[in-house]
C-alpha atoms as a PDB file:
ATOM      1  CA  UNK A   1     -13.423 -19.090 -20.148  1.00  0.00           C
ATOM      2  CA  UNK A   2     -11.220 -16.201 -19.949  1.00  0.00           C
ATOM      3  CA  UNK A   3      -8.318 -15.772 -22.806  1.00  0.00           C
ATOM      4  CA  UNK A   4      -4.708 -14.784 -21.697  1.00  0.00           C
ATOM      5  CA  UNK A   5      -2.036 -13.472 -23.859  1.00  0.00           C
ATOM      6  CA  UNK A   6       1.462 -13.437 -22.574  1.00  0.00           C
ATOM      7  CA  UNK A   7       3.858 -11.773 -24.959  1.00  0.00           C
ATOM      8  CA  UNK A   8       2.079 -13.024 -27.928  1.00  0.00           C
ATOM      9  CA  UNK A   9       1.420 -16.365 -26.607  1.00  0.00           C
ATOM     10  CA  UNK A  10      -2.540 -17.019 -26.253  1.00  0.00           C
ATOM     11  CA  UNK A  11      -4.235 -19.410 -24.211  1.00  0.00           C
ATOM     12  CA  UNK A  12      -7.598 -20.020 -22.356  1.00  0.00           C
ATOM     13  CA  UNK A  13      -7.981 -20.473 -18.774  1.00  0.00           C
ATOM     14  CA  UNK A  14     -10.234 -20.498 -15.600  1.00  0.00           C
ATOM     15  CA  UNK A  15     -10.187 -17.978 -12.565  1.00  0.00           C
ATOM     16  CA  UNK A  16      -8.983 -20.991 -10.454  1.00  0.00           C
ATOM     17  CA  UNK A  17      -6.154 -21.597 -12.646  1.00  0.00           C
ATOM     18  CA  UNK A  18      -5.272 -18.102 -12.599  1.00  0.00           C
ATOM     19  CA  UNK A  19      -5.327 -17.971  -8.906  1.00  0.00           C
ATOM     20  CA  UNK A  20      -3.153 -21.372  -8.503  1.00  0.00           C
ATOM     21  CA  UNK A  21      -0.984 -20.671 -11.381  1.00  0.00           C
ATOM     22  CA  UNK A  22      -1.383 -21.011 -15.188  1.00  0.00           C
ATOM     23  CA  UNK A  23       2.255 -22.655 -15.847  1.00  0.00           C
ATOM     24  CA  UNK A  24       5.520 -23.899 -14.674  1.00  0.00           C
ATOM     25  CA  UNK A  25       6.815 -20.362 -14.077  1.00  0.00           C
ATOM     26  CA  UNK A  26       6.456 -18.780 -11.118  1.00  0.00           C
ATOM     27  CA  UNK A  27       7.239 -15.119 -12.701  1.00  0.00           C
ATOM     28  CA  UNK A  28       4.767 -15.326 -15.076  1.00  0.00           C
ATOM     29  CA  UNK A  29       2.169 -16.881 -12.802  1.00  0.00           C
ATOM     30  CA  UNK A  30       2.772 -13.942 -10.595  1.00  0.00           C
ATOM     31  CA  UNK A  31       2.332 -11.206 -13.648  1.00  0.00           C
ATOM     32  CA  UNK A  32      -0.584 -12.673 -14.886  1.00  0.00           C
ATOM     33  CA  UNK A  33      -2.317 -12.503 -11.043  1.00  0.00           C
ATOM     34  CA  UNK A  34      -1.473  -9.028 -11.007  1.00  0.00           C
ATOM     35  CA  UNK A  35      -2.850  -8.018 -14.316  1.00  0.00           C
ATOM     36  CA  UNK A  36      -5.966 -10.432 -13.603  1.00  0.00           C
ATOM     37  CA  UNK A  37      -6.192  -8.031 -10.170  1.00  0.00           C
ATOM     38  CA  UNK A  38      -6.882  -5.376 -12.583  1.00  0.00           C
ATOM     39  CA  UNK A  39      -9.854  -6.809 -14.164  1.00  0.00           C
ATOM     40  CA  UNK A  40     -12.404  -6.116 -11.705  1.00  0.00           C
ATOM     41  CA  UNK A  41     -12.428  -2.368 -12.872  1.00  0.00           C
ATOM     42  CA  UNK A  42     -13.490  -3.541 -16.667  1.00  0.00           C
ATOM     43  CA  UNK A  43     -16.164  -5.575 -17.947  1.00  0.00           C
ATOM     44  CA  UNK A  44     -14.400  -7.017 -21.020  1.00  0.00           C
ATOM     45  CA  UNK A  45     -10.612  -7.128 -20.537  1.00  0.00           C
ATOM     46  CA  UNK A  46      -7.537  -5.213 -19.740  1.00  0.00           C
ATOM     47  CA  UNK A  47      -4.107  -5.348 -20.668  1.00  0.00           C
ATOM     48  CA  UNK A  48      -0.802  -4.275 -19.379  1.00  0.00           C
ATOM     49  CA  UNK A  49       3.055  -4.485 -19.292  1.00  0.00           C
ATOM     50  CA  UNK A  50       4.111  -5.720 -16.235  1.00  0.00           C
ATOM     51  CA  UNK A  51       7.537  -5.554 -14.594  1.00  0.00           C
ATOM     52  CA  UNK A  52       8.500  -8.415 -12.288  1.00  0.00           C
ATOM     53  CA  UNK A  53      11.702  -9.661 -10.754  1.00  0.00           C
ATOM     54  CA  UNK A  54      13.267 -13.195 -11.097  1.00  0.00           C
ATOM     55  CA  UNK A  55      15.301 -15.420  -8.908  1.00  0.00           C
ATOM     56  CA  UNK A  56      18.299 -13.741  -9.812  1.00  0.00           C
ATOM     57  CA  UNK A  57      16.788 -10.117  -8.973  1.00  0.00           C
ATOM     58  CA  UNK A  58      16.775  -9.598 -12.389  1.00  0.00           C
ATOM     59  CA  UNK A  59      13.668  -7.235 -13.881  1.00  0.00           C
ATOM     60  CA  UNK A  60      11.780  -9.231 -16.638  1.00  0.00           C
ATOM     61  CA  UNK A  61       8.894  -7.463 -18.488  1.00  0.00           C
ATOM     62  CA  UNK A  62       5.715  -9.309 -19.813  1.00  0.00           C
ATOM     63  CA  UNK A  63       2.914  -7.682 -22.014  1.00  0.00           C
ATOM     64  CA  UNK A  64      -0.280  -9.561 -20.754  1.00  0.00           C
ATOM     65  CA  UNK A  65      -3.699  -9.181 -22.074  1.00  0.00           C
ATOM     66  CA  UNK A  66      -6.624 -10.664 -20.343  1.00  0.00           C
ATOM     67  CA  UNK A  67     -10.282 -10.769 -21.877  1.00  0.00           C
ATOM     68  CA  UNK A  68     -13.478 -12.433 -20.836  1.00  0.00           C
END
């Protein structure tokens, strides 16, 4: 199981769910996938602040931590 924390909200998921989407929000799914891509350089986990654009072209920031 993989532990993901997005802006203080923690949940457990799998690699397959990260690839297909961990929730209803496309913006959060995109941010989690971006941080998960950084995980190949780490054995234990990674954290990052990610900036993404929503459907109104407004920038949103998410603090994401992924641990194995």
